[in-house]
Amino acid sequence: MIQKVDLCITRAGASTLAELSVLNIPFIAVPLPTSKDNHQFENANFYKTNDCCWILEQNIFQEKIEDVLKDIFINKSDYFKKKENLKKLNYQNTWINVNEKILKNINEN
């Protein structure tokens, strides 16, 4: 049923973000601040750097979530840009694409 979701508010575990990415669902990541080595922030920041999500820190979540959601609904072009960037990111990371790069490197040598 998650395939019918348009937007997700989630923690930033690697598996969760990967699944949302594959399903092409933009998300608001709320990294767990106590995660070891701040890995949840790093996971979310990978997608943020690729303009695929929004990050909202837990300590300001309650005061900022309404503004973030309003901005998403008002600025729909940003939402659709993130959705398109997820699609591009997924294509870049598909096994077919990775295999093509490996074969190209093997054949060049």
C-alpha atoms as a PDB file:
ATOM      1  CA  MET A   1       0.000   0.000   0.000  1.00  0.00           C
ATOM      2  CA  ILE A   2       2.935   2.367   0.411  1.00  0.00           C
ATOM      3  CA  GLN A   3       3.036   2.688  -3.396  1.00  0.00           C
ATOM      4  CA  LYS A   4      -0.067   4.914  -3.108  1.00  0.00           C
ATOM      5  CA  VAL A   5       1.703   7.406  -0.834  1.00  0.00           C
ATOM      6  CA  ASP A   6       2.680  10.809  -2.254  1.00  0.00           C
ATOM      7  CA  LEU A   7       4.881  12.005   0.608  1.00  0.00           C
ATOM      8  CA  CYS A   8       6.401  10.338   3.639  1.00  0.00           C
ATOM      9  CA  ILE A   9       7.632  11.670   6.983  1.00  0.00           C
ATOM     10  CA  THR A  10      10.195   9.204   8.252  1.00  0.00           C
ATOM     11  CA  ARG A  11      13.305   8.505  10.253  1.00  0.00           C
ATOM     12  CA  ALA A  12      16.394   8.140   8.095  1.00  0.00           C
ATOM     13  CA  GLY A  13      17.435   4.520   8.267  1.00  0.00           C
ATOM     14  CA  ALA A  14      19.237   3.394   5.122  1.00  0.00           C
ATOM     15  CA  SER A  15      16.724   0.668   4.224  1.00  0.00           C
ATOM     16  CA  THR A  16      13.720   2.930   4.674  1.00  0.00           C
ATOM     17  CA  LEU A  17      15.198   5.698   2.539  1.00  0.00           C
ATOM     18  CA  ALA A  18      16.282   3.223  -0.141  1.00  0.00           C
ATOM     19  CA  GLU A  19      12.768   1.763  -0.318  1.00  0.00           C
ATOM     20  CA  LEU A  20      11.182   5.202  -0.570  1.00  0.00           C
ATOM     21  CA  SER A  21      13.694   6.099  -3.238  1.00  0.00           C
ATOM     22  CA  VAL A  22      12.974   2.998  -5.313  1.00  0.00           C
ATOM     23  CA  LEU A  23       9.245   3.656  -4.980  1.00  0.00           C
ATOM     24  CA  ASN A  24       9.868   7.268  -6.080  1.00  0.00           C
ATOM     25  CA  ILE A  25       8.257   8.757  -2.975  1.00  0.00           C
ATOM     26  CA  PRO A  26       9.676  12.105  -1.838  1.00  0.00           C
ATOM     27  CA  PHE A  27      10.136  12.287   1.917  1.00  0.00           C
ATOM     28  CA  ILE A  28      10.790  14.506   4.881  1.00  0.00           C
ATOM     29  CA  ALA A  29      13.583  12.850   6.819  1.00  0.00           C
ATOM     30  CA  VAL A  30      13.762  13.327  10.574  1.00  0.00           C
ATOM     31  CA  PRO A  31      17.098  11.748  11.490  1.00  0.00           C
ATOM     32  CA  LEU A  32      17.333  10.136  14.909  1.00  0.00           C
ATOM     33  CA  PRO A  33      19.793  12.433  16.703  1.00  0.00           C
ATOM     34  CA  THR A  34      21.103   9.592  18.877  1.00  0.00           C
ATOM     35  CA  SER A  35      21.968   7.317  15.953  1.00  0.00           C
ATOM     36  CA  LYS A  36      25.500   5.977  16.101  1.00  0.00           C
ATOM     37  CA  ASP A  37      27.979   8.232  14.294  1.00  0.00           C
ATOM     38  CA  ASN A  38      25.037  10.394  13.212  1.00  0.00           C
ATOM     39  CA  HIS A  39      24.480   7.895  10.394  1.00  0.00           C
ATOM     40  CA  GLN A  40      20.803   8.746   9.959  1.00  0.00           C
ATOM     41  CA  PHE A  41      21.674  12.347   9.178  1.00  0.00           C
ATOM     42  CA  GLU A  42      24.341  11.156   6.729  1.00  0.00           C
ATOM     43  CA  ASN A  43      21.797   8.843   5.052  1.00  0.00           C
ATOM     44  CA  ALA A  44      19.291  11.670   4.680  1.00  0.00           C
ATOM     45  CA  ASN A  45      21.946  14.139   3.599  1.00  0.00           C
ATOM     46  CA  PHE A  46      22.880  11.898   0.645  1.00  0.00           C
ATOM     47  CA  TYR A  47      19.332  12.318  -0.693  1.00  0.00           C
ATOM     48  CA  LYS A  48      19.209  16.006   0.268  1.00  0.00           C
ATOM     49  CA  THR A  49      22.458  16.628  -1.642  1.00  0.00           C
ATOM     50  CA  ASN A  50      20.800  15.054  -4.688  1.00  0.00           C
ATOM     51  CA  ASP A  51      17.725  17.269  -4.118  1.00  0.00           C
ATOM     52  CA  CYS A  52      15.436  14.310  -3.449  1.00  0.00           C
ATOM     53  CA  CYS A  53      14.118  15.135   0.046  1.00  0.00           C
ATOM     54  CA  TRP A  54      13.758  17.574   2.874  1.00  0.00           C
ATOM     55  CA  ILE A  55      15.514  17.181   6.233  1.00  0.00           C
ATOM     56  CA  LEU A  56      13.957  18.355   9.460  1.00  0.00           C
ATOM     57  CA  GLU A  57      15.851  17.995  12.714  1.00  0.00           C
ATOM     58  CA  GLN A  58      13.968  16.372  15.569  1.00  0.00           C
ATOM     59  CA  ASN A  59      14.544  19.260  17.997  1.00  0.00           C
ATOM     60  CA  ILE A  60      12.658  21.696  15.720  1.00  0.00           C
ATOM     61  CA  PHE A  61      10.151  19.246  14.249  1.00  0.00           C
ATOM     62  CA  GLN A  62       7.061  20.467  16.108  1.00  0.00           C
ATOM     63  CA  GLU A  63       7.664  24.125  15.386  1.00  0.00           C
ATOM     64  CA  LYS A  64       8.662  23.667  11.703  1.00  0.00           C
ATOM     65  CA  ILE A  65       6.644  20.746  10.273  1.00  0.00           C
ATOM     66  CA  GLU A  66       3.593  22.854   9.484  1.00  0.00           C
ATOM     67  CA  ASP A  67       5.699  25.386   7.559  1.00  0.00           C
ATOM     68  CA  VAL A  68       7.517  22.654   5.650  1.00  0.00           C
ATOM     69  CA  LEU A  69       4.249  20.960   4.672  1.00  0.00           C
ATOM     70  CA  LYS A  70       2.652  24.256   3.617  1.00  0.00           C
ATOM     71  CA  ASP A  71       5.688  25.043   1.488  1.00  0.00           C
ATOM     72  CA  ILE A  72       5.506  21.618  -0.181  1.00  0.00           C
ATOM     73  CA  PHE A  73       1.813  22.048  -1.001  1.00  0.00           C
ATOM     74  CA  ILE A  74       2.256  25.623  -2.217  1.00  0.00           C
ATOM     75  CA  ASN A  75       5.502  25.062  -4.117  1.00  0.00           C
ATOM     76  CA  LYS A  76       4.492  21.945  -6.015  1.00  0.00           C
ATOM     77  CA  SER A  77       7.284  22.385  -8.548  1.00  0.00           C
ATOM     78  CA  ASP A  78       9.845  21.632  -5.815  1.00  0.00           C
ATOM     79  CA  TYR A  79       7.942  18.443  -4.915  1.00  0.00           C
ATOM     80  CA  PHE A  80       7.868  17.287  -8.541  1.00  0.00           C
ATOM     81  CA  LYS A  81      11.549  18.179  -8.987  1.00  0.00           C
ATOM     82  CA  LYS A  82      12.423  15.958  -6.015  1.00  0.00           C
ATOM     83  CA  LYS A  83      10.285  13.168  -7.466  1.00  0.00           C
ATOM     84  CA  GLU A  84      12.106  13.463 -10.804  1.00  0.00           C
ATOM     85  CA  ASN A  85      15.492  13.569  -9.065  1.00  0.00           C
ATOM     86  CA  LEU A  86      14.631  10.334  -7.226  1.00  0.00           C
ATOM     87  CA  LYS A  87      13.863   8.732 -10.577  1.00  0.00           C
ATOM     88  CA  LYS A  88      17.210   9.896 -11.995  1.00  0.00           C
ATOM     89  CA  LEU A  89      19.080   8.755  -8.894  1.00  0.00           C
ATOM     90  CA  ASN A  90      17.477   5.329  -9.088  1.00  0.00           C
ATOM     91  CA  TYR A  91      18.428   4.977 -12.745  1.00  0.00           C
ATOM     92  CA  GLN A  92      22.024   5.881 -11.948  1.00  0.00           C
ATOM     93  CA  ASN A  93      22.118   3.215  -9.242  1.00  0.00           C
ATOM     94  CA  THR A  94      20.407   0.348 -11.051  1.00  0.00           C
ATOM     95  CA  TRP A  95      22.264  -2.949 -11.400  1.00  0.00           C
ATOM     96  CA  ILE A  96      21.981  -2.694 -15.171  1.00  0.00           C
ATOM     97  CA  ASN A  97      23.740   0.652 -15.154  1.00  0.00           C
ATOM     98  CA  VAL A  98      26.392  -0.579 -12.697  1.00  0.00           C
ATOM     99  CA  ASN A  99      26.969  -3.703 -14.796  1.00  0.00           C
ATOM    100  CA  GLU A 100      27.319  -1.596 -17.947  1.00  0.00           C
ATOM    101  CA  LYS A 101      30.007   0.497 -16.246  1.00  0.00           C
ATOM    102  CA  ILE A 102      31.861  -2.623 -15.070  1.00  0.00           C
ATOM    103  CA  LEU A 103      31.773  -4.183 -18.537  1.00  0.00           C
ATOM    104  CA  LYS A 104      32.938  -0.936 -20.104  1.00  0.00           C
ATOM    105  CA  ASN A 105      35.921  -0.799 -17.728  1.00  0.00           C
ATOM    106  CA  ILE A 106      36.767  -4.460 -18.377  1.00  0.00           C
ATOM    107  CA  ASN A 107      36.558  -4.039 -22.136  1.00  0.00           C
ATOM    108  CA  GLU A 108      38.744  -0.928 -22.055  1.00  0.00           C
ATOM    109  CA  ASN A 109      41.547  -2.860 -20.371  1.00  0.00           C
END
